[in-house]
Amino acid sequence: MDKLAGLFERGVVGVLMVLLMATIAFGTALVAWSLVDDLRSVREFAAEPKALFDVFGLFVAVLVGVELLKILRHLLASHEVNTALIVQTALMALCNKVITLNLYETSWTTLVGVASLILALAAAMAAVGRMQDSEHSRK
């Protein structure tokens, strides 16, 4: 039964990797298209801030997808979840939210919540780093 579960896990992770690679490819094409479209519509070499933030948001979203792919590759190779990769990806996804956040339309409670999440993820990253350092010093 354990062998069947292992095969099932590999199959599911493999399918997720293929779907994620397709999503990353389409996302990359969307970033390129968005950038070219924005450059064609600019009459002067002064970019509109909203257009830049939109492109940056798409760019970071694709990077989050690449990080998710890295997590799936690690899971497939070692059959264990790398906590540091998970926390780093969560922090990157949250940074994407910060980049695309419209400060004029966002409530103060949302801003406090996002700030709290950033602090919590930074603390988790520090804790994971300390755990990895102590494991390396024991070896």
C-alpha atoms as a PDB file:
ATOM      1  CA  MET A   1       0.000   0.000   0.000  1.00  0.00           C
ATOM      2  CA  ASP A   2       2.910   2.331   0.770  1.00  0.00           C
ATOM      3  CA  LYS A   3       4.313   1.759  -2.723  1.00  0.00           C
ATOM      4  CA  LEU A   4       0.922   2.629  -4.259  1.00  0.00           C
ATOM      5  CA  ALA A   5       0.717   5.825  -2.199  1.00  0.00           C
ATOM      6  CA  GLY A   6       4.244   6.764  -3.317  1.00  0.00           C
ATOM      7  CA  LEU A   7       3.348   6.219  -6.974  1.00  0.00           C
ATOM      8  CA  PHE A   8       0.164   8.222  -6.519  1.00  0.00           C
ATOM      9  CA  GLU A   9       2.113  11.068  -4.890  1.00  0.00           C
ATOM     10  CA  ARG A  10       4.661  11.110  -7.716  1.00  0.00           C
ATOM     11  CA  GLY A  11       1.864  11.114 -10.309  1.00  0.00           C
ATOM     12  CA  VAL A  12      -0.039  13.971  -8.664  1.00  0.00           C
ATOM     13  CA  VAL A  13       3.109  16.047  -8.167  1.00  0.00           C
ATOM     14  CA  GLY A  14       4.126  15.352 -11.779  1.00  0.00           C
ATOM     15  CA  VAL A  15       0.755  16.533 -13.095  1.00  0.00           C
ATOM     16  CA  LEU A  16       0.932  19.629 -10.880  1.00  0.00           C
ATOM     17  CA  MET A  17       4.417  20.375 -12.218  1.00  0.00           C
ATOM     18  CA  VAL A  18       3.244  20.146 -15.840  1.00  0.00           C
ATOM     19  CA  LEU A  19       0.259  22.417 -15.124  1.00  0.00           C
ATOM     20  CA  LEU A  20       2.478  24.873 -13.248  1.00  0.00           C
ATOM     21  CA  MET A  21       5.024  24.942 -16.081  1.00  0.00           C
ATOM     22  CA  ALA A  22       2.225  25.750 -18.532  1.00  0.00           C
ATOM     23  CA  THR A  23       0.977  28.484 -16.195  1.00  0.00           C
ATOM     24  CA  ILE A  24       4.487  29.946 -15.885  1.00  0.00           C
ATOM     25  CA  ALA A  25       4.931  29.886 -19.664  1.00  0.00           C
ATOM     26  CA  PHE A  26       1.602  31.660 -20.229  1.00  0.00           C
ATOM     27  CA  GLY A  27       2.378  34.103 -17.413  1.00  0.00           C
ATOM     28  CA  THR A  28       5.753  34.923 -18.943  1.00  0.00           C
ATOM     29  CA  ALA A  29       4.106  35.518 -22.309  1.00  0.00           C
ATOM     30  CA  LEU A  30       1.544  37.751 -20.585  1.00  0.00           C
ATOM     31  CA  VAL A  31       4.307  39.788 -18.915  1.00  0.00           C
ATOM     32  CA  ALA A  32       6.075  40.211 -22.245  1.00  0.00           C
ATOM     33  CA  TRP A  33       2.841  41.139 -24.035  1.00  0.00           C
ATOM     34  CA  SER A  34       1.885  43.608 -21.311  1.00  0.00           C
ATOM     35  CA  LEU A  35       5.296  45.259 -21.432  1.00  0.00           C
ATOM     36  CA  VAL A  36       5.288  45.529 -25.241  1.00  0.00           C
ATOM     37  CA  ASP A  37       1.715  46.849 -25.204  1.00  0.00           C
ATOM     38  CA  ASP A  38       2.602  49.463 -22.576  1.00  0.00           C
ATOM     39  CA  LEU A  39       5.682  50.549 -24.542  1.00  0.00           C
ATOM     40  CA  ARG A  40       3.647  50.908 -27.747  1.00  0.00           C
ATOM     41  CA  SER A  41       1.054  53.078 -26.049  1.00  0.00           C
ATOM     42  CA  VAL A  42       3.612  55.439 -24.492  1.00  0.00           C
ATOM     43  CA  ARG A  43       4.119  58.562 -26.555  1.00  0.00           C
ATOM     44  CA  GLU A  44       7.010  59.819 -24.477  1.00  0.00           C
ATOM     45  CA  PHE A  45       9.602  58.005 -22.433  1.00  0.00           C
ATOM     46  CA  ALA A  46       7.699  58.678 -19.227  1.00  0.00           C
ATOM     47  CA  ALA A  47       6.039  55.541 -17.978  1.00  0.00           C
ATOM     48  CA  GLU A  48       2.744  55.725 -16.159  1.00  0.00           C
ATOM     49  CA  PRO A  49       3.158  54.434 -12.582  1.00  0.00           C
ATOM     50  CA  LYS A  50       0.014  52.279 -12.713  1.00  0.00           C
ATOM     51  CA  ALA A  51       1.241  50.506 -15.829  1.00  0.00           C
ATOM     52  CA  LEU A  52       4.611  49.866 -14.174  1.00  0.00           C
ATOM     53  CA  PHE A  53       2.966  48.450 -11.052  1.00  0.00           C
ATOM     54  CA  ASP A  54       0.791  46.184 -13.188  1.00  0.00           C
ATOM     55  CA  VAL A  55       3.845  44.823 -15.020  1.00  0.00           C
ATOM     56  CA  PHE A  56       5.763  44.407 -11.751  1.00  0.00           C
ATOM     57  CA  GLY A  57       2.803  42.578 -10.230  1.00  0.00           C
ATOM     58  CA  LEU A  58       2.664  40.166 -13.173  1.00  0.00           C
ATOM     59  CA  PHE A  59       6.429  39.724 -13.033  1.00  0.00           C
ATOM     60  CA  VAL A  60       6.414  38.819  -9.333  1.00  0.00           C
ATOM     61  CA  ALA A  61       3.439  36.498  -9.855  1.00  0.00           C
ATOM     62  CA  VAL A  62       5.489  34.558 -12.425  1.00  0.00           C
ATOM     63  CA  LEU A  63       8.405  34.445  -9.978  1.00  0.00           C
ATOM     64  CA  VAL A  64       6.087  32.999  -7.318  1.00  0.00           C
ATOM     65  CA  GLY A  65       5.155  30.305  -9.848  1.00  0.00           C
ATOM     66  CA  VAL A  66       8.832  29.527 -10.418  1.00  0.00           C
ATOM     67  CA  GLU A  67       9.319  29.209  -6.653  1.00  0.00           C
ATOM     68  CA  LEU A  68       6.306  26.873  -6.435  1.00  0.00           C
ATOM     69  CA  LEU A  69       7.883  24.764  -9.175  1.00  0.00           C
ATOM     70  CA  LYS A  70      11.084  24.613  -7.119  1.00  0.00           C
ATOM     71  CA  ILE A  71       9.059  23.365  -4.125  1.00  0.00           C
ATOM     72  CA  LEU A  72       7.412  20.654  -6.239  1.00  0.00           C
ATOM     73  CA  ARG A  73      10.778  19.584  -7.696  1.00  0.00           C
ATOM     74  CA  HIS A  74      12.222  19.293  -4.203  1.00  0.00           C
ATOM     75  CA  LEU A  75       9.179  17.311  -3.043  1.00  0.00           C
ATOM     76  CA  LEU A  76       9.472  14.939  -5.985  1.00  0.00           C
ATOM     77  CA  ALA A  77      13.213  14.392  -5.486  1.00  0.00           C
ATOM     78  CA  SER A  78      13.403  14.057  -1.704  1.00  0.00           C
ATOM     79  CA  HIS A  79       9.821  13.190  -0.645  1.00  0.00           C
ATOM     80  CA  GLU A  80       9.955  15.898   2.019  1.00  0.00           C
ATOM     81  CA  VAL A  81       8.733  19.463   2.226  1.00  0.00           C
ATOM     82  CA  ASN A  82      11.466  22.080   2.545  1.00  0.00           C
ATOM     83  CA  THR A  83      10.143  24.550   5.105  1.00  0.00           C
ATOM     84  CA  ALA A  84      12.558  27.289   4.053  1.00  0.00           C
ATOM     85  CA  LEU A  85      11.301  27.130   0.457  1.00  0.00           C
ATOM     86  CA  ILE A  86       7.687  27.321   1.647  1.00  0.00           C
ATOM     87  CA  VAL A  87       8.340  30.378   3.830  1.00  0.00           C
ATOM     88  CA  GLN A  88      10.358  32.094   1.088  1.00  0.00           C
ATOM     89  CA  THR A  89       7.586  31.512  -1.442  1.00  0.00           C
ATOM     90  CA  ALA A  90       4.943  32.791   0.975  1.00  0.00           C
ATOM     91  CA  LEU A  91       7.031  35.903   1.602  1.00  0.00           C
ATOM     92  CA  MET A  92       7.429  36.454  -2.139  1.00  0.00           C
ATOM     93  CA  ALA A  93       3.679  36.039  -2.711  1.00  0.00           C
ATOM     94  CA  LEU A  94       2.989  38.533   0.060  1.00  0.00           C
ATOM     95  CA  CYS A  95       5.459  40.957  -1.499  1.00  0.00           C
ATOM     96  CA  ASN A  96       3.498  40.603  -4.732  1.00  0.00           C
ATOM     97  CA  LYS A  97       0.408  41.680  -2.802  1.00  0.00           C
ATOM     98  CA  VAL A  98       2.280  44.670  -1.374  1.00  0.00           C
ATOM     99  CA  ILE A  99       3.475  45.710  -4.839  1.00  0.00           C
ATOM    100  CA  THR A 100      -0.019  45.568  -6.337  1.00  0.00           C
ATOM    101  CA  LEU A 101      -1.806  47.039  -3.317  1.00  0.00           C
ATOM    102  CA  ASN A 102      -3.553  50.344  -3.939  1.00  0.00           C
ATOM    103  CA  LEU A 103      -2.831  52.342  -0.799  1.00  0.00           C
ATOM    104  CA  TYR A 104      -5.614  54.817  -1.530  1.00  0.00           C
ATOM    105  CA  GLU A 105      -8.323  52.158  -1.571  1.00  0.00           C
ATOM    106  CA  THR A 106      -6.996  49.880   1.179  1.00  0.00           C
ATOM    107  CA  SER A 107      -8.248  50.045   4.744  1.00  0.00           C
ATOM    108  CA  TRP A 108      -5.845  50.484   7.626  1.00  0.00           C
ATOM    109  CA  THR A 109      -6.835  47.085   9.007  1.00  0.00           C
ATOM    110  CA  THR A 110      -5.721  45.394   5.797  1.00  0.00           C
ATOM    111  CA  LEU A 111      -2.408  47.246   5.954  1.00  0.00           C
ATOM    112  CA  VAL A 112      -1.906  46.160   9.571  1.00  0.00           C
ATOM    113  CA  GLY A 113      -2.772  42.582   8.598  1.00  0.00           C
ATOM    114  CA  VAL A 114      -0.301  42.553   5.702  1.00  0.00           C
ATOM    115  CA  ALA A 115       2.398  44.077   7.922  1.00  0.00           C
ATOM    116  CA  SER A 116       1.703  41.426  10.570  1.00  0.00           C
ATOM    117  CA  LEU A 117       1.992  38.660   7.998  1.00  0.00           C
ATOM    118  CA  ILE A 118       5.306  40.063   6.775  1.00  0.00           C
ATOM    119  CA  LEU A 119       6.656  40.180  10.334  1.00  0.00           C
ATOM    120  CA  ALA A 120       5.427  36.644  11.030  1.00  0.00           C
ATOM    121  CA  LEU A 121       7.036  35.298   7.865  1.00  0.00           C
ATOM    122  CA  ALA A 122      10.280  37.136   8.649  1.00  0.00           C
ATOM    123  CA  ALA A 123      10.277  35.564  12.122  1.00  0.00           C
ATOM    124  CA  ALA A 124       9.566  32.151  10.597  1.00  0.00           C
ATOM    125  CA  MET A 125      12.424  32.640   8.140  1.00  0.00           C
ATOM    126  CA  ALA A 126      14.779  33.527  10.997  1.00  0.00           C
ATOM    127  CA  ALA A 127      13.644  30.469  12.983  1.00  0.00           C
ATOM    128  CA  VAL A 128      14.104  28.170  10.000  1.00  0.00           C
ATOM    129  CA  GLY A 129      17.546  29.662   9.390  1.00  0.00           C
ATOM    130  CA  ARG A 130      18.542  29.051  13.023  1.00  0.00           C
ATOM    131  CA  MET A 131      17.285  25.463  12.822  1.00  0.00           C
ATOM    132  CA  GLN A 132      19.302  24.837   9.661  1.00  0.00           C
ATOM    133  CA  ASP A 133      22.405  26.415  11.227  1.00  0.00           C
ATOM    134  CA  SER A 134      22.112  24.211  14.314  1.00  0.00           C
ATOM    135  CA  GLU A 135      21.655  21.102  12.129  1.00  0.00           C
ATOM    136  CA  HIS A 136      24.777  21.961  10.124  1.00  0.00           C
ATOM    137  CA  SER A 137      26.830  22.581  13.262  1.00  0.00           C
ATOM    138  CA  ARG A 138      25.854  19.126  14.618  1.00  0.00           C
ATOM    139  CA  LYS A 139      27.137  17.363  11.488  1.00  0.00           C
END
